[in-house]
């Protein structure tokens, strides 16, 4: 999509600038849950760390009692005690 058209559309719809970009969205709920939109797959999964493929990058969640509580073709939900977050 052309940059000018995208900017005009976002302004008309009063949407945040990153809405139409091809990027992941991560929402944290304290240090005990995370929702990830734009997840392309699971790379690593253990009780101490979970690494997800975001397409052009990766994200690693570190902590205790980590688990993927929901997963589909583009979204994931992680729960546990999150002690670290790293983009790889």
PDB file of N, CA and C in Angstrom:
ATOM      1  N   UNK A   1       0.841  -1.171   0.000  1.00  0.00           N
ATOM      2  CA  UNK A   1       0.000   0.000   0.000  1.00  0.00           C
ATOM      3  C   UNK A   1       0.886   1.234   0.000  1.00  0.00           C
ATOM      4  N   UNK A   2       0.555   2.205  -0.820  1.00  0.00           N
ATOM      5  CA  UNK A   2       1.285   3.460  -0.912  1.00  0.00           C
ATOM      6  C   UNK A   2       1.282   4.172   0.441  1.00  0.00           C
ATOM      7  N   UNK A   3       2.423   4.790   0.799  1.00  0.00           N
ATOM      8  CA  UNK A   3       2.573   5.434   2.101  1.00  0.00           C
ATOM      9  C   UNK A   3       1.533   6.533   2.324  1.00  0.00           C
ATOM     10  N   UNK A   4       1.278   7.358   1.326  1.00  0.00           N
ATOM     11  CA  UNK A   4       0.317   8.455   1.466  1.00  0.00           C
ATOM     12  C   UNK A   4      -1.102   7.922   1.669  1.00  0.00           C
ATOM     13  N   UNK A   5      -1.444   6.875   0.950  1.00  0.00           N
ATOM     14  CA  UNK A   5      -2.773   6.275   1.091  1.00  0.00           C
ATOM     15  C   UNK A   5      -2.921   5.675   2.485  1.00  0.00           C
ATOM     16  N   UNK A   6      -1.878   4.970   2.938  1.00  0.00           N
ATOM     17  CA  UNK A   6      -1.901   4.363   4.267  1.00  0.00           C
ATOM     18  C   UNK A   6      -2.071   5.430   5.343  1.00  0.00           C
ATOM     19  N   UNK A   7      -1.314   6.526   5.252  1.00  0.00           N
ATOM     20  CA  UNK A   7      -1.406   7.608   6.236  1.00  0.00           C
ATOM     21  C   UNK A   7      -2.794   8.239   6.236  1.00  0.00           C
ATOM     22  N   UNK A   8      -3.359   8.452   5.052  1.00  0.00           N
ATOM     23  CA  UNK A   8      -4.689   9.046   4.959  1.00  0.00           C
ATOM     24  C   UNK A   8      -5.746   8.108   5.549  1.00  0.00           C
ATOM     25  N   UNK A   9      -5.644   6.818   5.243  1.00  0.00           N
ATOM     26  CA  UNK A   9      -6.581   5.836   5.769  1.00  0.00           C
ATOM     27  C   UNK A   9      -6.512   5.777   7.298  1.00  0.00           C
ATOM     28  N   UNK A  10      -5.308   5.751   7.839  1.00  0.00           N
ATOM     29  CA  UNK A  10      -5.143   5.711   9.291  1.00  0.00           C
ATOM     30  C   UNK A  10      -5.716   6.961   9.951  1.00  0.00           C
ATOM     31  N   UNK A  11      -5.497   8.115   9.328  1.00  0.00           N
ATOM     32  CA  UNK A  11      -6.025   9.369   9.870  1.00  0.00           C
ATOM     33  C   UNK A  11      -7.549   9.375   9.831  1.00  0.00           C
ATOM     34  N   UNK A  12      -8.126   8.943   8.721  1.00  0.00           N
ATOM     35  CA  UNK A  12      -9.591   8.921   8.587  1.00  0.00           C
ATOM     36  C   UNK A  12     -10.237   7.965   9.589  1.00  0.00           C
ATOM     37  N   UNK A  13      -9.596   6.833   9.819  1.00  0.00           N
ATOM     38  CA  UNK A  13     -10.149   5.834  10.732  1.00  0.00           C
ATOM     39  C   UNK A  13      -9.706   6.039  12.181  1.00  0.00           C
ATOM     40  N   UNK A  14      -8.859   7.051  12.403  1.00  0.00           N
ATOM     41  CA  UNK A  14      -8.318   7.355  13.729  1.00  0.00           C
ATOM     42  C   UNK A  14      -7.668   6.122  14.357  1.00  0.00           C
ATOM     43  N   UNK A  15      -6.790   5.485  13.577  1.00  0.00           N
ATOM     44  CA  UNK A  15      -6.103   4.274  14.014  1.00  0.00           C
ATOM     45  C   UNK A  15      -4.636   4.586  14.278  1.00  0.00           C
ATOM     46  N   UNK A  16      -3.988   3.832  15.189  1.00  0.00           N
ATOM     47  CA  UNK A  16      -2.559   4.028  15.448  1.00  0.00           C
ATOM     48  C   UNK A  16      -1.725   3.726  14.205  1.00  0.00           C
ATOM     49  N   UNK A  17      -0.578   4.385  14.040  1.00  0.00           N
ATOM     50  CA  UNK A  17       0.269   4.222  12.845  1.00  0.00           C
ATOM     51  C   UNK A  17       0.727   2.801  12.549  1.00  0.00           C
ATOM     52  N   UNK A  18       0.942   1.960  13.547  1.00  0.00           N
ATOM     53  CA  UNK A  18       1.449   0.608  13.307  1.00  0.00           C
ATOM     54  C   UNK A  18       0.364  -0.383  12.912  1.00  0.00           C
ATOM     55  N   UNK A  19      -0.882   0.038  12.882  1.00  0.00           N
ATOM     56  CA  UNK A  19      -1.990  -0.871  12.618  1.00  0.00           C
ATOM     57  C   UNK A  19      -1.865  -1.599  11.285  1.00  0.00           C
ATOM     58  N   UNK A  20      -1.476  -0.917  10.237  1.00  0.00           N
ATOM     59  CA  UNK A  20      -1.413  -1.532   8.921  1.00  0.00           C
ATOM     60  C   UNK A  20      -0.032  -2.068   8.556  1.00  0.00           C
ATOM     61  N   UNK A  21       0.918  -1.992   9.464  1.00  0.00           N
ATOM     62  CA  UNK A  21       2.242  -2.544   9.186  1.00  0.00           C
ATOM     63  C   UNK A  21       2.234  -4.034   9.475  1.00  0.00           C
ATOM     64  N   UNK A  22       3.135  -4.735   8.830  1.00  0.00           N
ATOM     65  CA  UNK A  22       3.250  -6.172   9.028  1.00  0.00           C
ATOM     66  C   UNK A  22       4.176  -6.439  10.219  1.00  0.00           C
ATOM     67  N   UNK A  23       3.684  -6.175  11.427  1.00  0.00           N
ATOM     68  CA  UNK A  23       4.500  -6.387  12.611  1.00  0.00           C
ATOM     69  C   UNK A  23       3.665  -7.045  13.701  1.00  0.00           C
ATOM     70  N   UNK A  24       4.358  -7.667  14.619  1.00  0.00           N
ATOM     71  CA  UNK A  24       3.685  -8.337  15.734  1.00  0.00           C
ATOM     72  C   UNK A  24       3.290  -7.317  16.792  1.00  0.00           C
ATOM     73  N   UNK A  25       2.307  -7.689  17.579  1.00  0.00           N
ATOM     74  CA  UNK A  25       1.862  -6.864  18.703  1.00  0.00           C
ATOM     75  C   UNK A  25       1.937  -7.730  19.950  1.00  0.00           C
ATOM     76  N   UNK A  26       2.600  -7.209  20.991  1.00  0.00           N
ATOM     77  CA  UNK A  26       2.750  -7.931  22.245  1.00  0.00           C
ATOM     78  C   UNK A  26       2.125  -7.099  23.346  1.00  0.00           C
ATOM     79  N   UNK A  27       1.243  -7.728  24.096  1.00  0.00           N
ATOM     80  CA  UNK A  27       0.594  -7.046  25.211  1.00  0.00           C
ATOM     81  C   UNK A  27       0.885  -7.832  26.481  1.00  0.00           C
ATOM     82  N   UNK A  28       1.482  -7.150  27.468  1.00  0.00           N
ATOM     83  CA  UNK A  28       1.805  -7.785  28.739  1.00  0.00           C
ATOM     84  C   UNK A  28       0.758  -7.441  29.783  1.00  0.00           C
ATOM     85  N   UNK A  29       0.418  -8.404  30.601  1.00  0.00           N
ATOM     86  CA  UNK A  29      -0.446  -8.197  31.765  1.00  0.00           C
ATOM     87  C   UNK A  29       0.415  -8.465  32.989  1.00  0.00           C
ATOM     88  N   UNK A  30       0.985  -7.389  33.502  1.00  0.00           N
ATOM     89  CA  UNK A  30       1.927  -7.537  34.610  1.00  0.00           C
ATOM     90  C   UNK A  30       3.097  -8.394  34.174  1.00  0.00           C
ATOM     91  N   UNK A  31       3.565  -9.246  35.071  1.00  0.00           N
ATOM     92  CA  UNK A  31       4.645 -10.166  34.698  1.00  0.00           C
ATOM     93  C   UNK A  31       4.162 -11.615  34.707  1.00  0.00           C
ATOM     94  N   UNK A  32       2.841 -11.789  34.497  1.00  0.00           N
ATOM     95  CA  UNK A  32       2.306 -13.148  34.558  1.00  0.00           C
ATOM     96  C   UNK A  32       1.596 -13.600  33.291  1.00  0.00           C
ATOM     97  N   UNK A  33       1.428 -12.721  32.299  1.00  0.00           N
ATOM     98  CA  UNK A  33       0.761 -13.147  31.056  1.00  0.00           C
ATOM     99  C   UNK A  33       1.162 -12.242  29.903  1.00  0.00           C
ATOM    100  N   UNK A  34       1.159 -12.803  28.698  1.00  0.00           N
ATOM    101  CA  UNK A  34       1.450 -12.044  27.484  1.00  0.00           C
ATOM    102  C   UNK A  34       0.571 -12.561  26.350  1.00  0.00           C
ATOM    103  N   UNK A  35       0.060 -11.629  25.563  1.00  0.00           N
ATOM    104  CA  UNK A  35      -0.704 -11.965  24.356  1.00  0.00           C
ATOM    105  C   UNK A  35       0.100 -11.481  23.163  1.00  0.00           C
ATOM    106  N   UNK A  36       0.285 -12.344  22.192  1.00  0.00           N
ATOM    107  CA  UNK A  36       1.093 -12.026  21.023  1.00  0.00           C
ATOM    108  C   UNK A  36       0.243 -12.199  19.775  1.00  0.00           C
ATOM    109  N   UNK A  37       0.095 -11.118  19.012  1.00  0.00           N
ATOM    110  CA  UNK A  37      -0.594 -11.159  17.721  1.00  0.00           C
ATOM    111  C   UNK A  37       0.478 -11.101  16.637  1.00  0.00           C
ATOM    112  N   UNK A  38       0.342 -11.900  15.609  1.00  0.00           N
ATOM    113  CA  UNK A  38       1.326 -11.922  14.531  1.00  0.00           C
ATOM    114  C   UNK A  38       2.384 -12.981  14.735  1.00  0.00           C
ATOM    115  N   UNK A  39       2.111 -13.951  15.592  1.00  0.00           N
ATOM    116  CA  UNK A  39       3.043 -15.044  15.851  1.00  0.00           C
ATOM    117  C   UNK A  39       3.014 -16.019  14.676  1.00  0.00           C
ATOM    118  N   UNK A  40       4.183 -16.380  14.174  1.00  0.00           N
ATOM    119  CA  UNK A  40       4.277 -17.289  13.034  1.00  0.00           C
ATOM    120  C   UNK A  40       4.618 -18.720  13.425  1.00  0.00           C
ATOM    121  N   UNK A  41       5.001 -18.932  14.689  1.00  0.00           N
ATOM    122  CA  UNK A  41       5.320 -20.289  15.120  1.00  0.00           C
ATOM    123  C   UNK A  41       6.111 -20.315  16.405  1.00  0.00           C
ATOM    124  N   UNK A  42       6.260 -21.514  16.948  1.00  0.00           N
ATOM    125  CA  UNK A  42       6.999 -21.734  18.184  1.00  0.00           C
ATOM    126  C   UNK A  42       8.373 -22.288  17.828  1.00  0.00           C
ATOM    127  N   UNK A  43       9.414 -21.648  18.326  1.00  0.00           N
ATOM    128  CA  UNK A  43      10.783 -22.090  18.057  1.00  0.00           C
ATOM    129  C   UNK A  43      11.320 -22.924  19.211  1.00  0.00           C
ATOM    130  N   UNK A  44      11.039 -22.488  20.429  1.00  0.00           N
ATOM    131  CA  UNK A  44      11.538 -23.171  21.612  1.00  0.00           C
ATOM    132  C   UNK A  44      10.475 -23.112  22.698  1.00  0.00           C
ATOM    133  N   UNK A  45      10.339 -24.198  23.455  1.00  0.00           N
ATOM    134  CA  UNK A  45       9.289 -24.247  24.466  1.00  0.00           C
ATOM    135  C   UNK A  45       9.737 -25.086  25.653  1.00  0.00           C
ATOM    136  N   UNK A  46       9.880 -24.456  26.816  1.00  0.00           N
ATOM    137  CA  UNK A  46      10.185 -25.164  28.051  1.00  0.00           C
ATOM    138  C   UNK A  46       9.562 -24.383  29.204  1.00  0.00           C
ATOM    139  N   UNK A  47       9.658 -24.914  30.417  1.00  0.00           N
ATOM    140  CA  UNK A  47       9.098 -24.228  31.576  1.00  0.00           C
ATOM    141  C   UNK A  47       9.856 -22.950  31.922  1.00  0.00           C
ATOM    142  N   UNK A  48      11.099 -22.811  31.408  1.00  0.00           N
ATOM    143  CA  UNK A  48      11.913 -21.644  31.734  1.00  0.00           C
ATOM    144  C   UNK A  48      11.990 -20.621  30.604  1.00  0.00           C
ATOM    145  N   UNK A  49      11.678 -21.035  29.376  1.00  0.00           N
ATOM    146  CA  UNK A  49      11.691 -20.061  28.283  1.00  0.00           C
ATOM    147  C   UNK A  49      10.867 -20.524  27.095  1.00  0.00           C
ATOM    148  N   UNK A  50      10.305 -19.523  26.433  1.00  0.00           N
ATOM    149  CA  UNK A  50       9.518 -19.757  25.219  1.00  0.00           C
ATOM    150  C   UNK A  50      10.009 -18.765  24.180  1.00  0.00           C
ATOM    151  N   UNK A  51      10.391 -19.266  22.990  1.00  0.00           N
ATOM    152  CA  UNK A  51      10.803 -18.395  21.897  1.00  0.00           C
ATOM    153  C   UNK A  51       9.804 -18.554  20.762  1.00  0.00           C
ATOM    154  N   UNK A  52       9.336 -17.406  20.260  1.00  0.00           N
ATOM    155  CA  UNK A  52       8.346 -17.401  19.185  1.00  0.00           C
ATOM    156  C   UNK A  52       8.907 -16.742  17.938  1.00  0.00           C
ATOM    157  N   UNK A  53       8.480 -17.222  16.781  1.00  0.00           N
ATOM    158  CA  UNK A  53       8.835 -16.637  15.494  1.00  0.00           C
ATOM    159  C   UNK A  53       7.815 -15.545  15.180  1.00  0.00           C
ATOM    160  N   UNK A  54       8.303 -14.332  14.942  1.00  0.00           N
ATOM    161  CA  UNK A  54       7.428 -13.213  14.599  1.00  0.00           C
ATOM    162  C   UNK A  54       7.547 -12.837  13.126  1.00  0.00           C
ATOM    163  N   UNK A  55       8.132 -13.697  12.343  1.00  0.00           N
ATOM    164  CA  UNK A  55       8.327 -13.411  10.921  1.00  0.00           C
ATOM    165  C   UNK A  55       9.703 -12.831  10.688  1.00  0.00           C
ATOM    166  N   UNK A  56       9.840 -11.522  10.816  1.00  0.00           N
ATOM    167  CA  UNK A  56      11.132 -10.878  10.580  1.00  0.00           C
ATOM    168  C   UNK A  56      12.014 -10.858  11.823  1.00  0.00           C
ATOM    169  N   UNK A  57      11.505 -11.295  12.961  1.00  0.00           N
ATOM    170  CA  UNK A  57      12.295 -11.345  14.189  1.00  0.00           C
ATOM    171  C   UNK A  57      11.775 -12.463  15.089  1.00  0.00           C
ATOM    172  N   UNK A  58      12.387 -12.578  16.236  1.00  0.00           N
ATOM    173  CA  UNK A  58      11.987 -13.570  17.231  1.00  0.00           C
ATOM    174  C   UNK A  58      11.867 -12.875  18.574  1.00  0.00           C
ATOM    175  N   UNK A  59      11.069 -13.454  19.452  1.00  0.00           N
ATOM    176  CA  UNK A  59      10.969 -12.933  20.813  1.00  0.00           C
ATOM    177  C   UNK A  59      11.094 -14.104  21.784  1.00  0.00           C
ATOM    178  N   UNK A  60      11.862 -13.864  22.862  1.00  0.00           N
ATOM    179  CA  UNK A  60      12.077 -14.903  23.877  1.00  0.00           C
ATOM    180  C   UNK A  60      11.514 -14.397  25.209  1.00  0.00           C
ATOM    181  N   UNK A  61      10.633 -15.193  25.796  1.00  0.00           N
ATOM    182  CA  UNK A  61      10.102 -14.928  27.121  1.00  0.00           C
ATOM    183  C   UNK A  61      10.814 -15.857  28.081  1.00  0.00           C
ATOM    184  N   UNK A  62      11.346 -15.317  29.169  1.00  0.00           N
ATOM    185  CA  UNK A  62      12.029 -16.124  30.166  1.00  0.00           C
ATOM    186  C   UNK A  62      11.289 -16.007  31.486  1.00  0.00           C
ATOM    187  N   UNK A  63      11.339 -17.061  32.295  1.00  0.00           N
ATOM    188  CA  UNK A  63      10.673 -17.013  33.579  1.00  0.00           C
ATOM    189  C   UNK A  63      10.545 -18.377  34.209  1.00  0.00           C
ATOM    190  N   UNK A  64       9.482 -18.532  35.005  1.00  0.00           N
ATOM    191  CA  UNK A  64       9.227 -19.771  35.731  1.00  0.00           C
ATOM    192  C   UNK A  64       7.813 -20.251  35.422  1.00  0.00           C
ATOM    193  N   UNK A  65       7.675 -21.566  35.354  1.00  0.00           N
ATOM    194  CA  UNK A  65       6.379 -22.189  35.079  1.00  0.00           C
ATOM    195  C   UNK A  65       5.723 -21.605  33.818  1.00  0.00           C
ATOM    196  N   UNK A  66       6.541 -21.366  32.795  1.00  0.00           N
ATOM    197  CA  UNK A  66       6.068 -20.783  31.539  1.00  0.00           C
ATOM    198  C   UNK A  66       5.259 -21.819  30.768  1.00  0.00           C
ATOM    199  N   UNK A  67       4.169 -21.375  30.173  1.00  0.00           N
ATOM    200  CA  UNK A  67       3.381 -22.258  29.325  1.00  0.00           C
ATOM    201  C   UNK A  67       2.633 -21.442  28.274  1.00  0.00           C
ATOM    202  N   UNK A  68       2.356 -22.090  27.166  1.00  0.00           N
ATOM    203  CA  UNK A  68       1.534 -21.480  26.124  1.00  0.00           C
ATOM    204  C   UNK A  68       0.108 -21.911  26.421  1.00  0.00           C
ATOM    205  N   UNK A  69      -0.716 -20.954  26.810  1.00  0.00           N
ATOM    206  CA  UNK A  69      -2.084 -21.278  27.199  1.00  0.00           C
ATOM    207  C   UNK A  69      -3.039 -21.279  26.019  1.00  0.00           C
ATOM    208  N   UNK A  70      -2.655 -20.633  24.917  1.00  0.00           N
ATOM    209  CA  UNK A  70      -3.468 -20.648  23.692  1.00  0.00           C
ATOM    210  C   UNK A  70      -2.547 -20.395  22.507  1.00  0.00           C
ATOM    211  N   UNK A  71      -2.873 -21.020  21.365  1.00  0.00           N
ATOM    212  CA  UNK A  71      -2.066 -20.831  20.160  1.00  0.00           C
ATOM    213  C   UNK A  71      -2.915 -21.153  18.939  1.00  0.00           C
ATOM    214  N   UNK A  72      -2.868 -20.261  17.932  1.00  0.00           N
ATOM    215  CA  UNK A  72      -3.486 -20.566  16.646  1.00  0.00           C
ATOM    216  C   UNK A  72      -2.549 -20.078  15.551  1.00  0.00           C
ATOM    217  N   UNK A  73      -3.028 -19.935  14.349  1.00  0.00           N
ATOM    218  CA  UNK A  73      -2.151 -19.632  13.213  1.00  0.00           C
ATOM    219  C   UNK A  73      -1.456 -18.278  13.302  1.00  0.00           C
ATOM    220  N   UNK A  74      -1.956 -17.338  14.103  1.00  0.00           N
ATOM    221  CA  UNK A  74      -1.318 -16.018  14.188  1.00  0.00           C
ATOM    222  C   UNK A  74      -1.243 -15.451  15.594  1.00  0.00           C
ATOM    223  N   UNK A  75      -1.765 -16.147  16.591  1.00  0.00           N
ATOM    224  CA  UNK A  75      -1.818 -15.608  17.947  1.00  0.00           C
ATOM    225  C   UNK A  75      -1.338 -16.629  18.961  1.00  0.00           C
ATOM    226  N   UNK A  76      -0.755 -16.113  20.041  1.00  0.00           N
ATOM    227  CA  UNK A  76      -0.326 -16.970  21.139  1.00  0.00           C
ATOM    228  C   UNK A  76      -0.570 -16.244  22.446  1.00  0.00           C
ATOM    229  N   UNK A  77      -0.848 -17.012  23.482  1.00  0.00           N
ATOM    230  CA  UNK A  77      -0.976 -16.480  24.833  1.00  0.00           C
ATOM    231  C   UNK A  77      -0.032 -17.269  25.722  1.00  0.00           C
ATOM    232  N   UNK A  78       0.759 -16.535  26.483  1.00  0.00           N
ATOM    233  CA  UNK A  78       1.747 -17.141  27.368  1.00  0.00           C
ATOM    234  C   UNK A  78       1.387 -16.789  28.802  1.00  0.00           C
ATOM    235  N   UNK A  79       1.545 -17.757  29.693  1.00  0.00           N
ATOM    236  CA  UNK A  79       1.330 -17.487  31.113  1.00  0.00           C
ATOM    237  C   UNK A  79       2.492 -18.060  31.915  1.00  0.00           C
ATOM    238  N   UNK A  80       2.629 -17.597  33.135  1.00  0.00           N
ATOM    239  CA  UNK A  80       3.711 -17.993  34.007  1.00  0.00           C
ATOM    240  C   UNK A  80       4.286 -16.754  34.664  1.00  0.00           C
ATOM    241  N   UNK A  81       5.377 -16.904  35.369  1.00  0.00           N
ATOM    242  CA  UNK A  81       6.045 -15.751  35.965  1.00  0.00           C
ATOM    243  C   UNK A  81       7.125 -15.274  34.984  1.00  0.00           C
ATOM    244  N   UNK A  82       6.843 -14.195  34.262  1.00  0.00           N
ATOM    245  CA  UNK A  82       7.755 -13.681  33.247  1.00  0.00           C
ATOM    246  C   UNK A  82       8.806 -12.802  33.921  1.00  0.00           C
ATOM    247  N   UNK A  83      10.078 -13.182  33.735  1.00  0.00           N
ATOM    248  CA  UNK A  83      11.169 -12.407  34.334  1.00  0.00           C
ATOM    249  C   UNK A  83      11.998 -11.677  33.289  1.00  0.00           C
ATOM    250  N   UNK A  84      11.838 -12.034  32.019  1.00  0.00           N
ATOM    251  CA  UNK A  84      12.604 -11.384  30.971  1.00  0.00           C
ATOM    252  C   UNK A  84      11.930 -11.505  29.615  1.00  0.00           C
ATOM    253  N   UNK A  85      12.226 -10.530  28.791  1.00  0.00           N
ATOM    254  CA  UNK A  85      11.697 -10.484  27.419  1.00  0.00           C
ATOM    255  C   UNK A  85      12.834  -9.994  26.536  1.00  0.00           C
ATOM    256  N   UNK A  86      13.133 -10.744  25.482  1.00  0.00           N
ATOM    257  CA  UNK A  86      14.263 -10.394  24.611  1.00  0.00           C
ATOM    258  C   UNK A  86      13.854 -10.553  23.152  1.00  0.00           C
ATOM    259  N   UNK A  87      14.193  -9.545  22.351  1.00  0.00           N
ATOM    260  CA  UNK A  87      13.983  -9.643  20.904  1.00  0.00           C
ATOM    261  C   UNK A  87      15.278 -10.112  20.272  1.00  0.00           C
ATOM    262  N   UNK A  88      15.189 -11.138  19.418  1.00  0.00           N
ATOM    263  CA  UNK A  88      16.376 -11.747  18.820  1.00  0.00           C
ATOM    264  C   UNK A  88      16.385 -11.518  17.325  1.00  0.00           C
TER     265      UNK A  88
END
